[in-house]
Amino acid sequence: MDDNGGRRNWVMVNRAPVLTLWAEMVAEVLGFEHDEALTLGRAVAGLKAYLKGVSLGLFQPTPIEVKEQRRKMRKDETVKIDLLHRAGQTYRRRIAGA
């Protein structure tokens, strides 16, 4: 950074918005519309934040029994999307007219 009277100017940026915008741009290049791409970007940033929290011991992964119970309770169509090689992450959407 430039010296300004013996002081350095720094800009600190949170990585979540940067990752969100990067993933959004990648999704747009892959052919998603802007709103869809932004949603996918937010999902990527949120997933990465959660995984960082798990690695730091701030969050505990959901027990398998709870995941199975949730899966049985849902009746919507399941759509699987591989986000940055994070296969197995399931996102649900309601079918129009259902």
PDB file of N, CA and C in Angstrom:
ATOM      1  N   MET A   1       0.836  -1.178   0.000  1.00  0.00           N
ATOM      2  CA  MET A   1       0.000   0.000   0.000  1.00  0.00           C
ATOM      3  C   MET A   1       0.886   1.249   0.000  1.00  0.00           C
ATOM      4  N   ASP A   2       0.339   2.343  -0.450  1.00  0.00           N
ATOM      5  CA  ASP A   2       1.092   3.589  -0.518  1.00  0.00           C
ATOM      6  C   ASP A   2       1.336   4.144   0.876  1.00  0.00           C
ATOM      7  N   ASP A   3       2.498   4.718   1.026  1.00  0.00           N
ATOM      8  CA  ASP A   3       2.795   5.418   2.268  1.00  0.00           C
ATOM      9  C   ASP A   3       2.121   6.777   2.227  1.00  0.00           C
ATOM     10  N   ASN A   4       1.483   7.151   3.304  1.00  0.00           N
ATOM     11  CA  ASN A   4       0.794   8.428   3.394  1.00  0.00           C
ATOM     12  C   ASN A   4       1.268   9.109   4.669  1.00  0.00           C
ATOM     13  N   GLY A   5       2.384   9.831   4.567  1.00  0.00           N
ATOM     14  CA  GLY A   5       2.920  10.509   5.733  1.00  0.00           C
ATOM     15  C   GLY A   5       3.411   9.527   6.782  1.00  0.00           C
ATOM     16  N   GLY A   6       4.012   8.418   6.335  1.00  0.00           N
ATOM     17  CA  GLY A   6       4.524   7.424   7.267  1.00  0.00           C
ATOM     18  C   GLY A   6       3.480   6.419   7.728  1.00  0.00           C
ATOM     19  N   ARG A   7       2.248   6.591   7.285  1.00  0.00           N
ATOM     20  CA  ARG A   7       1.187   5.655   7.657  1.00  0.00           C
ATOM     21  C   ARG A   7       0.751   4.872   6.430  1.00  0.00           C
ATOM     22  N   ARG A   8       0.416   3.639   6.635  1.00  0.00           N
ATOM     23  CA  ARG A   8      -0.050   2.812   5.520  1.00  0.00           C
ATOM     24  C   ARG A   8      -1.578   2.788   5.506  1.00  0.00           C
ATOM     25  N   ASN A   9      -2.119   2.771   4.317  1.00  0.00           N
ATOM     26  CA  ASN A   9      -3.567   2.681   4.147  1.00  0.00           C
ATOM     27  C   ASN A   9      -3.928   1.232   3.844  1.00  0.00           C
ATOM     28  N   TRP A  10      -4.814   0.664   4.619  1.00  0.00           N
ATOM     29  CA  TRP A  10      -5.227  -0.724   4.435  1.00  0.00           C
ATOM     30  C   TRP A  10      -6.735  -0.785   4.275  1.00  0.00           C
ATOM     31  N   VAL A  11      -7.158  -1.726   3.487  1.00  0.00           N
ATOM     32  CA  VAL A  11      -8.583  -2.005   3.351  1.00  0.00           C
ATOM     33  C   VAL A  11      -8.778  -3.468   3.723  1.00  0.00           C
ATOM     34  N   MET A  12      -9.633  -3.721   4.691  1.00  0.00           N
ATOM     35  CA  MET A  12      -9.911  -5.092   5.098  1.00  0.00           C
ATOM     36  C   MET A  12     -11.293  -5.461   4.571  1.00  0.00           C
ATOM     37  N   VAL A  13     -11.387  -6.605   3.900  1.00  0.00           N
ATOM     38  CA  VAL A  13     -12.639  -7.039   3.298  1.00  0.00           C
ATOM     39  C   VAL A  13     -13.002  -8.414   3.848  1.00  0.00           C
ATOM     40  N   ASN A  14     -14.245  -8.572   4.247  1.00  0.00           N
ATOM     41  CA  ASN A  14     -14.745  -9.865   4.682  1.00  0.00           C
ATOM     42  C   ASN A  14     -14.766 -10.792   3.466  1.00  0.00           C
ATOM     43  N   ARG A  15     -14.388 -12.045   3.654  1.00  0.00           N
ATOM     44  CA  ARG A  15     -14.298 -12.950   2.507  1.00  0.00           C
ATOM     45  C   ARG A  15     -15.655 -13.433   2.010  1.00  0.00           C
ATOM     46  N   ALA A  16     -16.698 -13.405   2.833  1.00  0.00           N
ATOM     47  CA  ALA A  16     -18.004 -13.920   2.422  1.00  0.00           C
ATOM     48  C   ALA A  16     -18.590 -13.166   1.220  1.00  0.00           C
ATOM     49  N   PRO A  17     -18.606 -11.827   1.217  1.00  0.00           N
ATOM     50  CA  PRO A  17     -19.156 -11.143   0.047  1.00  0.00           C
ATOM     51  C   PRO A  17     -18.311 -11.366  -1.205  1.00  0.00           C
ATOM     52  N   VAL A  18     -17.008 -11.474  -1.028  1.00  0.00           N
ATOM     53  CA  VAL A  18     -16.133 -11.714  -2.183  1.00  0.00           C
ATOM     54  C   VAL A  18     -16.417 -13.095  -2.761  1.00  0.00           C
ATOM     55  N   LEU A  19     -16.534 -14.095  -1.895  1.00  0.00           N
ATOM     56  CA  LEU A  19     -16.839 -15.450  -2.348  1.00  0.00           C
ATOM     57  C   LEU A  19     -18.220 -15.512  -2.985  1.00  0.00           C
ATOM     58  N   THR A  20     -19.192 -14.797  -2.418  1.00  0.00           N
ATOM     59  CA  THR A  20     -20.539 -14.762  -2.984  1.00  0.00           C
ATOM     60  C   THR A  20     -20.515 -14.220  -4.410  1.00  0.00           C
ATOM     61  N   LEU A  21     -19.850 -13.099  -4.608  1.00  0.00           N
ATOM     62  CA  LEU A  21     -19.799 -12.501  -5.942  1.00  0.00           C
ATOM     63  C   LEU A  21     -19.006 -13.351  -6.922  1.00  0.00           C
ATOM     64  N   TRP A  22     -17.935 -13.970  -6.462  1.00  0.00           N
ATOM     65  CA  TRP A  22     -17.156 -14.842  -7.333  1.00  0.00           C
ATOM     66  C   TRP A  22     -17.996 -16.032  -7.792  1.00  0.00           C
ATOM     67  N   ALA A  23     -18.679 -16.696  -6.838  1.00  0.00           N
ATOM     68  CA  ALA A  23     -19.506 -17.849  -7.184  1.00  0.00           C
ATOM     69  C   ALA A  23     -20.671 -17.431  -8.079  1.00  0.00           C
ATOM     70  N   GLU A  24     -21.204 -16.225  -7.840  1.00  0.00           N
ATOM     71  CA  GLU A  24     -22.272 -15.723  -8.703  1.00  0.00           C
ATOM     72  C   GLU A  24     -21.786 -15.573 -10.139  1.00  0.00           C
ATOM     73  N   MET A  25     -20.614 -14.997 -10.318  1.00  0.00           N
ATOM     74  CA  MET A  25     -20.075 -14.802 -11.661  1.00  0.00           C
ATOM     75  C   MET A  25     -19.825 -16.143 -12.349  1.00  0.00           C
ATOM     76  N   VAL A  26     -19.317 -17.106 -11.611  1.00  0.00           N
ATOM     77  CA  VAL A  26     -19.087 -18.441 -12.182  1.00  0.00           C
ATOM     78  C   VAL A  26     -20.408 -19.050 -12.630  1.00  0.00           C
ATOM     79  N   ALA A  27     -21.450 -18.931 -11.798  1.00  0.00           N
ATOM     80  CA  ALA A  27     -22.758 -19.481 -12.144  1.00  0.00           C
ATOM     81  C   ALA A  27     -23.344 -18.784 -13.374  1.00  0.00           C
ATOM     82  N   GLU A  28     -23.153 -17.479 -13.485  1.00  0.00           N
ATOM     83  CA  GLU A  28     -23.637 -16.762 -14.670  1.00  0.00           C
ATOM     84  C   GLU A  28     -22.920 -17.239 -15.928  1.00  0.00           C
ATOM     85  N   VAL A  29     -21.625 -17.467 -15.823  1.00  0.00           N
ATOM     86  CA  VAL A  29     -20.865 -17.981 -16.971  1.00  0.00           C
ATOM     87  C   VAL A  29     -21.383 -19.371 -17.355  1.00  0.00           C
ATOM     88  N   LEU A  30     -21.821 -20.144 -16.361  1.00  0.00           N
ATOM     89  CA  LEU A  30     -22.357 -21.482 -16.614  1.00  0.00           C
ATOM     90  C   LEU A  30     -23.773 -21.443 -17.184  1.00  0.00           C
ATOM     91  N   GLY A  31     -24.386 -20.242 -17.264  1.00  0.00           N
ATOM     92  CA  GLY A  31     -25.683 -20.107 -17.907  1.00  0.00           C
ATOM     93  C   GLY A  31     -26.862 -19.828 -17.008  1.00  0.00           C
ATOM     94  N   PHE A  32     -26.636 -19.655 -15.714  1.00  0.00           N
ATOM     95  CA  PHE A  32     -27.736 -19.325 -14.809  1.00  0.00           C
ATOM     96  C   PHE A  32     -28.102 -17.858 -14.959  1.00  0.00           C
ATOM     97  N   GLU A  33     -29.376 -17.544 -14.736  1.00  0.00           N
ATOM     98  CA  GLU A  33     -29.811 -16.156 -14.742  1.00  0.00           C
ATOM     99  C   GLU A  33     -29.239 -15.461 -13.505  1.00  0.00           C
ATOM    100  N   HIS A  34     -29.247 -14.118 -13.518  1.00  0.00           N
ATOM    101  CA  HIS A  34     -28.605 -13.344 -12.454  1.00  0.00           C
ATOM    102  C   HIS A  34     -29.117 -13.720 -11.061  1.00  0.00           C
ATOM    103  N   ASP A  35     -30.450 -13.747 -10.885  1.00  0.00           N
ATOM    104  CA  ASP A  35     -31.009 -14.059  -9.564  1.00  0.00           C
ATOM    105  C   ASP A  35     -30.653 -15.469  -9.115  1.00  0.00           C
ATOM    106  N   GLU A  36     -30.702 -16.417 -10.045  1.00  0.00           N
ATOM    107  CA  GLU A  36     -30.333 -17.796  -9.714  1.00  0.00           C
ATOM    108  C   GLU A  36     -28.861 -17.871  -9.331  1.00  0.00           C
ATOM    109  N   ALA A  37     -28.026 -17.187 -10.094  1.00  0.00           N
ATOM    110  CA  ALA A  37     -26.588 -17.203  -9.847  1.00  0.00           C
ATOM    111  C   ALA A  37     -26.263 -16.576  -8.487  1.00  0.00           C
ATOM    112  N   LEU A  38     -26.946 -15.503  -8.140  1.00  0.00           N
ATOM    113  CA  LEU A  38     -26.718 -14.860  -6.845  1.00  0.00           C
ATOM    114  C   LEU A  38     -27.135 -15.783  -5.704  1.00  0.00           C
ATOM    115  N   THR A  39     -28.245 -16.480  -5.880  1.00  0.00           N
ATOM    116  CA  THR A  39     -28.689 -17.432  -4.868  1.00  0.00           C
ATOM    117  C   THR A  39     -27.661 -18.545  -4.688  1.00  0.00           C
ATOM    118  N   LEU A  40     -27.141 -19.063  -5.790  1.00  0.00           N
ATOM    119  CA  LEU A  40     -26.107 -20.100  -5.697  1.00  0.00           C
ATOM    120  C   LEU A  40     -24.849 -19.547  -5.037  1.00  0.00           C
ATOM    121  N   GLY A  41     -24.495 -18.304  -5.352  1.00  0.00           N
ATOM    122  CA  GLY A  41     -23.335 -17.671  -4.722  1.00  0.00           C
ATOM    123  C   GLY A  41     -23.503 -17.557  -3.217  1.00  0.00           C
ATOM    124  N   ARG A  42     -24.692 -17.186  -2.783  1.00  0.00           N
ATOM    125  CA  ARG A  42     -24.968 -17.089  -1.346  1.00  0.00           C
ATOM    126  C   ARG A  42     -24.900 -18.461  -0.689  1.00  0.00           C
ATOM    127  N   ALA A  43     -25.387 -19.475  -1.403  1.00  0.00           N
ATOM    128  CA  ALA A  43     -25.343 -20.839  -0.862  1.00  0.00           C
ATOM    129  C   ALA A  43     -23.901 -21.301  -0.683  1.00  0.00           C
ATOM    130  N   VAL A  44     -23.056 -21.010  -1.656  1.00  0.00           N
ATOM    131  CA  VAL A  44     -21.641 -21.387  -1.560  1.00  0.00           C
ATOM    132  C   VAL A  44     -20.986 -20.682  -0.368  1.00  0.00           C
ATOM    133  N   ALA A  45     -21.198 -19.383  -0.250  1.00  0.00           N
ATOM    134  CA  ALA A  45     -20.589 -18.629   0.852  1.00  0.00           C
ATOM    135  C   ALA A  45     -21.111 -19.118   2.202  1.00  0.00           C
ATOM    136  N   GLY A  46     -22.402 -19.388   2.287  1.00  0.00           N
ATOM    137  CA  GLY A  46     -22.975 -19.884   3.537  1.00  0.00           C
ATOM    138  C   GLY A  46     -22.440 -21.254   3.907  1.00  0.00           C
ATOM    139  N   LEU A  47     -22.311 -22.129   2.913  1.00  0.00           N
ATOM    140  CA  LEU A  47     -21.779 -23.465   3.158  1.00  0.00           C
ATOM    141  C   LEU A  47     -20.329 -23.393   3.628  1.00  0.00           C
ATOM    142  N   LYS A  48     -19.542 -22.548   2.981  1.00  0.00           N
ATOM    143  CA  LYS A  48     -18.143 -22.403   3.385  1.00  0.00           C
ATOM    144  C   LYS A  48     -18.038 -21.838   4.800  1.00  0.00           C
ATOM    145  N   ALA A  49     -18.897 -20.871   5.146  1.00  0.00           N
ATOM    146  CA  ALA A  49     -18.883 -20.308   6.498  1.00  0.00           C
ATOM    147  C   ALA A  49     -19.255 -21.375   7.521  1.00  0.00           C
ATOM    148  N   TYR A  50     -20.252 -22.200   7.198  1.00  0.00           N
ATOM    149  CA  TYR A  50     -20.660 -23.271   8.106  1.00  0.00           C
ATOM    150  C   TYR A  50     -19.516 -24.270   8.297  1.00  0.00           C
ATOM    151  N   LEU A  51     -18.887 -24.677   7.200  1.00  0.00           N
ATOM    152  CA  LEU A  51     -17.786 -25.636   7.290  1.00  0.00           C
ATOM    153  C   LEU A  51     -16.617 -25.068   8.093  1.00  0.00           C
ATOM    154  N   LYS A  52     -16.354 -23.780   7.950  1.00  0.00           N
ATOM    155  CA  LYS A  52     -15.304 -23.130   8.746  1.00  0.00           C
ATOM    156  C   LYS A  52     -15.687 -23.169  10.223  1.00  0.00           C
ATOM    157  N   GLY A  53     -16.951 -22.907  10.533  1.00  0.00           N
ATOM    158  CA  GLY A  53     -17.419 -22.969  11.907  1.00  0.00           C
ATOM    159  C   GLY A  53     -17.307 -24.372  12.489  1.00  0.00           C
ATOM    160  N   VAL A  54     -17.608 -25.389  11.679  1.00  0.00           N
ATOM    161  CA  VAL A  54     -17.465 -26.774  12.132  1.00  0.00           C
ATOM    162  C   VAL A  54     -16.001 -27.076  12.422  1.00  0.00           C
ATOM    163  N   SER A  55     -15.106 -26.643  11.502  1.00  0.00           N
ATOM    164  CA  SER A  55     -13.679 -26.926  11.694  1.00  0.00           C
ATOM    165  C   SER A  55     -13.119 -26.225  12.932  1.00  0.00           C
ATOM    166  N   LEU A  56     -13.695 -25.081  13.299  1.00  0.00           N
ATOM    167  CA  LEU A  56     -13.262 -24.362  14.498  1.00  0.00           C
ATOM    168  C   LEU A  56     -13.974 -24.850  15.759  1.00  0.00           C
ATOM    169  N   GLY A  57     -14.923 -25.762  15.590  1.00  0.00           N
ATOM    170  CA  GLY A  57     -15.660 -26.289  16.734  1.00  0.00           C
ATOM    171  C   GLY A  57     -16.795 -25.399  17.194  1.00  0.00           C
ATOM    172  N   LEU A  58     -17.192 -24.433  16.369  1.00  0.00           N
ATOM    173  CA  LEU A  58     -18.277 -23.523  16.738  1.00  0.00           C
ATOM    174  C   LEU A  58     -19.648 -24.144  16.488  1.00  0.00           C
ATOM    175  N   PHE A  59     -19.734 -25.051  15.512  1.00  0.00           N
ATOM    176  CA  PHE A  59     -20.988 -25.722  15.158  1.00  0.00           C
ATOM    177  C   PHE A  59     -20.758 -27.225  15.214  1.00  0.00           C
ATOM    178  N   GLN A  60     -21.823 -27.944  15.483  1.00  0.00           N
ATOM    179  CA  GLN A  60     -21.781 -29.399  15.430  1.00  0.00           C
ATOM    180  C   GLN A  60     -22.605 -29.838  14.221  1.00  0.00           C
ATOM    181  N   PRO A  61     -22.094 -30.759  13.404  1.00  0.00           N
ATOM    182  CA  PRO A  61     -22.879 -31.251  12.261  1.00  0.00           C
ATOM    183  C   PRO A  61     -24.197 -31.874  12.739  1.00  0.00           C
ATOM    184  N   THR A  62     -25.225 -31.782  11.905  1.00  0.00           N
ATOM    185  CA  THR A  62     -26.526 -32.346  12.237  1.00  0.00           C
ATOM    186  C   THR A  62     -26.425 -33.866  12.311  1.00  0.00           C
ATOM    187  N   PRO A  63     -26.946 -34.469  13.382  1.00  0.00           N
ATOM    188  CA  PRO A  63     -26.914 -35.929  13.486  1.00  0.00           C
ATOM    189  C   PRO A  63     -27.684 -36.594  12.347  1.00  0.00           C
ATOM    190  N   ILE A  64     -27.268 -37.782  11.952  1.00  0.00           N
ATOM    191  CA  ILE A  64     -27.881 -38.512  10.840  1.00  0.00           C
ATOM    192  C   ILE A  64     -29.364 -38.773  11.106  1.00  0.00           C
ATOM    193  N   GLU A  65     -29.735 -39.056  12.353  1.00  0.00           N
ATOM    194  CA  GLU A  65     -31.136 -39.339  12.679  1.00  0.00           C
ATOM    195  C   GLU A  65     -32.027 -38.135  12.373  1.00  0.00           C
ATOM    196  N   VAL A  66     -31.536 -36.949  12.681  1.00  0.00           N
ATOM    197  CA  VAL A  66     -32.305 -35.729  12.414  1.00  0.00           C
ATOM    198  C   VAL A  66     -32.429 -35.513  10.918  1.00  0.00           C
ATOM    199  N   LYS A  67     -31.344 -35.749  10.173  1.00  0.00           N
ATOM    200  CA  LYS A  67     -31.400 -35.601   8.716  1.00  0.00           C
ATOM    201  C   LYS A  67     -32.428 -36.548   8.109  1.00  0.00           C
ATOM    202  N   GLU A  68     -32.463 -37.787   8.587  1.00  0.00           N
ATOM    203  CA  GLU A  68     -33.427 -38.770   8.076  1.00  0.00           C
ATOM    204  C   GLU A  68     -34.859 -38.341   8.384  1.00  0.00           C
ATOM    205  N   GLN A  69     -35.099 -37.828   9.578  1.00  0.00           N
ATOM    206  CA  GLN A  69     -36.439 -37.380   9.954  1.00  0.00           C
ATOM    207  C   GLN A  69     -36.876 -36.221   9.065  1.00  0.00           C
ATOM    208  N   ARG A  70     -35.991 -35.272   8.811  1.00  0.00           N
ATOM    209  CA  ARG A  70     -36.316 -34.143   7.925  1.00  0.00           C
ATOM    210  C   ARG A  70     -36.654 -34.637   6.529  1.00  0.00           C
ATOM    211  N   ARG A  71     -35.869 -35.591   6.041  1.00  0.00           N
ATOM    212  CA  ARG A  71     -36.052 -36.121   4.691  1.00  0.00           C
ATOM    213  C   ARG A  71     -37.439 -36.753   4.559  1.00  0.00           C
ATOM    214  N   LYS A  72     -37.902 -37.453   5.588  1.00  0.00           N
ATOM    215  CA  LYS A  72     -39.210 -38.103   5.556  1.00  0.00           C
ATOM    216  C   LYS A  72     -40.344 -37.085   5.597  1.00  0.00           C
ATOM    217  N   MET A  73     -40.125 -35.947   6.262  1.00  0.00           N
ATOM    218  CA  MET A  73     -41.173 -34.950   6.438  1.00  0.00           C
ATOM    219  C   MET A  73     -41.407 -34.123   5.172  1.00  0.00           C
ATOM    220  N   ARG A  74     -40.446 -34.012   4.301  1.00  0.00           N
ATOM    221  CA  ARG A  74     -40.555 -33.147   3.122  1.00  0.00           C
ATOM    222  C   ARG A  74     -41.235 -33.881   1.976  1.00  0.00           C
ATOM    223  N   LYS A  75     -42.086 -33.148   1.279  1.00  0.00           N
ATOM    224  CA  LYS A  75     -42.796 -33.741   0.150  1.00  0.00           C
ATOM    225  C   LYS A  75     -42.463 -33.031  -1.161  1.00  0.00           C
ATOM    226  N   ASP A  76     -41.636 -32.015  -1.124  1.00  0.00           N
ATOM    227  CA  ASP A  76     -41.285 -31.259  -2.331  1.00  0.00           C
ATOM    228  C   ASP A  76     -40.309 -32.053  -3.178  1.00  0.00           C
ATOM    229  N   GLU A  77     -40.161 -31.631  -4.415  1.00  0.00           N
ATOM    230  CA  GLU A  77     -39.195 -32.238  -5.317  1.00  0.00           C
ATOM    231  C   GLU A  77     -37.782 -31.937  -4.805  1.00  0.00           C
ATOM    232  N   THR A  78     -36.901 -32.902  -4.906  1.00  0.00           N
ATOM    233  CA  THR A  78     -35.518 -32.717  -4.493  1.00  0.00           C
ATOM    234  C   THR A  78     -34.669 -32.424  -5.717  1.00  0.00           C
ATOM    235  N   VAL A  79     -33.870 -31.372  -5.628  1.00  0.00           N
ATOM    236  CA  VAL A  79     -32.962 -31.002  -6.701  1.00  0.00           C
ATOM    237  C   VAL A  79     -31.563 -31.041  -6.130  1.00  0.00           C
ATOM    238  N   LYS A  80     -30.676 -31.852  -6.705  1.00  0.00           N
ATOM    239  CA  LYS A  80     -29.299 -31.929  -6.232  1.00  0.00           C
ATOM    240  C   LYS A  80     -28.424 -31.056  -7.120  1.00  0.00           C
ATOM    241  N   ILE A  81     -27.595 -30.230  -6.477  1.00  0.00           N
ATOM    242  CA  ILE A  81     -26.694 -29.342  -7.200  1.00  0.00           C
ATOM    243  C   ILE A  81     -25.302 -29.529  -6.626  1.00  0.00           C
ATOM    244  N   ASP A  82     -24.335 -29.791  -7.488  1.00  0.00           N
ATOM    245  CA  ASP A  82     -22.951 -29.931  -7.057  1.00  0.00           C
ATOM    246  C   ASP A  82     -22.322 -28.540  -7.072  1.00  0.00           C
ATOM    247  N   LEU A  83     -22.093 -27.976  -5.869  1.00  0.00           N
ATOM    248  CA  LEU A  83     -21.517 -26.645  -5.749  1.00  0.00           C
ATOM    249  C   LEU A  83     -20.057 -26.764  -5.343  1.00  0.00           C
ATOM    250  N   LEU A  84     -19.162 -26.408  -6.235  1.00  0.00           N
ATOM    251  CA  LEU A  84     -17.733 -26.444  -5.965  1.00  0.00           C
ATOM    252  C   LEU A  84     -17.298 -27.784  -5.387  1.00  0.00           C
ATOM    253  N   HIS A  85     -17.747 -28.834  -6.026  1.00  0.00           N
ATOM    254  CA  HIS A  85     -17.395 -30.206  -5.652  1.00  0.00           C
ATOM    255  C   HIS A  85     -17.905 -30.569  -4.266  1.00  0.00           C
ATOM    256  N   ARG A  86     -18.993 -29.986  -3.861  1.00  0.00           N
ATOM    257  CA  ARG A  86     -19.622 -30.322  -2.584  1.00  0.00           C
ATOM    258  C   ARG A  86     -20.849 -31.176  -2.884  1.00  0.00           C
ATOM    259  N   ALA A  87     -20.639 -32.301  -3.554  1.00  0.00           N
ATOM    260  CA  ALA A  87     -21.735 -33.190  -3.918  1.00  0.00           C
ATOM    261  C   ALA A  87     -22.450 -33.658  -2.662  1.00  0.00           C
ATOM    262  N   GLY A  88     -23.705 -33.916  -2.800  1.00  0.00           N
ATOM    263  CA  GLY A  88     -24.481 -34.395  -1.674  1.00  0.00           C
ATOM    264  C   GLY A  88     -25.257 -33.297  -0.980  1.00  0.00           C
ATOM    265  N   GLN A  89     -24.977 -32.046  -1.294  1.00  0.00           N
ATOM    266  CA  GLN A  89     -25.758 -30.960  -0.724  1.00  0.00           C
ATOM    267  C   GLN A  89     -27.087 -30.923  -1.478  1.00  0.00           C
ATOM    268  N   THR A  90     -28.186 -31.007  -0.784  1.00  0.00           N
ATOM    269  CA  THR A  90     -29.489 -31.080  -1.407  1.00  0.00           C
ATOM    270  C   THR A  90     -30.244 -29.788  -1.181  1.00  0.00           C
ATOM    271  N   TYR A  91     -30.808 -29.254  -2.254  1.00  0.00           N
ATOM    272  CA  TYR A  91     -31.586 -28.039  -2.187  1.00  0.00           C
ATOM    273  C   TYR A  91     -32.986 -28.387  -2.677  1.00  0.00           C
ATOM    274  N   ARG A  92     -33.993 -27.880  -2.028  1.00  0.00           N
ATOM    275  CA  ARG A  92     -35.369 -28.236  -2.373  1.00  0.00           C
ATOM    276  C   ARG A  92     -36.071 -27.042  -2.997  1.00  0.00           C
ATOM    277  N   ARG A  93     -36.981 -27.358  -3.909  1.00  0.00           N
ATOM    278  CA  ARG A  93     -37.799 -26.310  -4.503  1.00  0.00           C
ATOM    279  C   ARG A  93     -39.209 -26.855  -4.698  1.00  0.00           C
ATOM    280  N   ARG A  94     -40.167 -25.969  -4.629  1.00  0.00           N
ATOM    281  CA  ARG A  94     -41.563 -26.374  -4.836  1.00  0.00           C
ATOM    282  C   ARG A  94     -41.847 -26.304  -6.329  1.00  0.00           C
ATOM    283  N   ILE A  95     -42.487 -27.335  -6.829  1.00  0.00           N
ATOM    284  CA  ILE A  95     -42.837 -27.389  -8.246  1.00  0.00           C
ATOM    285  C   ILE A  95     -44.022 -26.465  -8.470  1.00  0.00           C
ATOM    286  N   ALA A  96     -43.953 -25.645  -9.526  1.00  0.00           N
ATOM    287  CA  ALA A  96     -45.033 -24.715  -9.824  1.00  0.00           C
ATOM    288  C   ALA A  96     -46.335 -25.495 -10.042  1.00  0.00           C
ATOM    289  N   GLY A  97     -47.391 -25.073  -9.379  1.00  0.00           N
ATOM    290  CA  GLY A  97     -48.683 -25.723  -9.522  1.00  0.00           C
ATOM    291  C   GLY A  97     -48.875 -26.896  -8.584  1.00  0.00           C
ATOM    292  N   ALA A  98     -47.850 -27.241  -7.814  1.00  0.00           N
ATOM    293  CA  ALA A  98     -47.990 -28.407  -6.910  1.00  0.00           C
ATOM    294  C   ALA A  98     -48.558 -27.974  -5.582  1.00  0.00           C
TER     295      ALA A  98
END
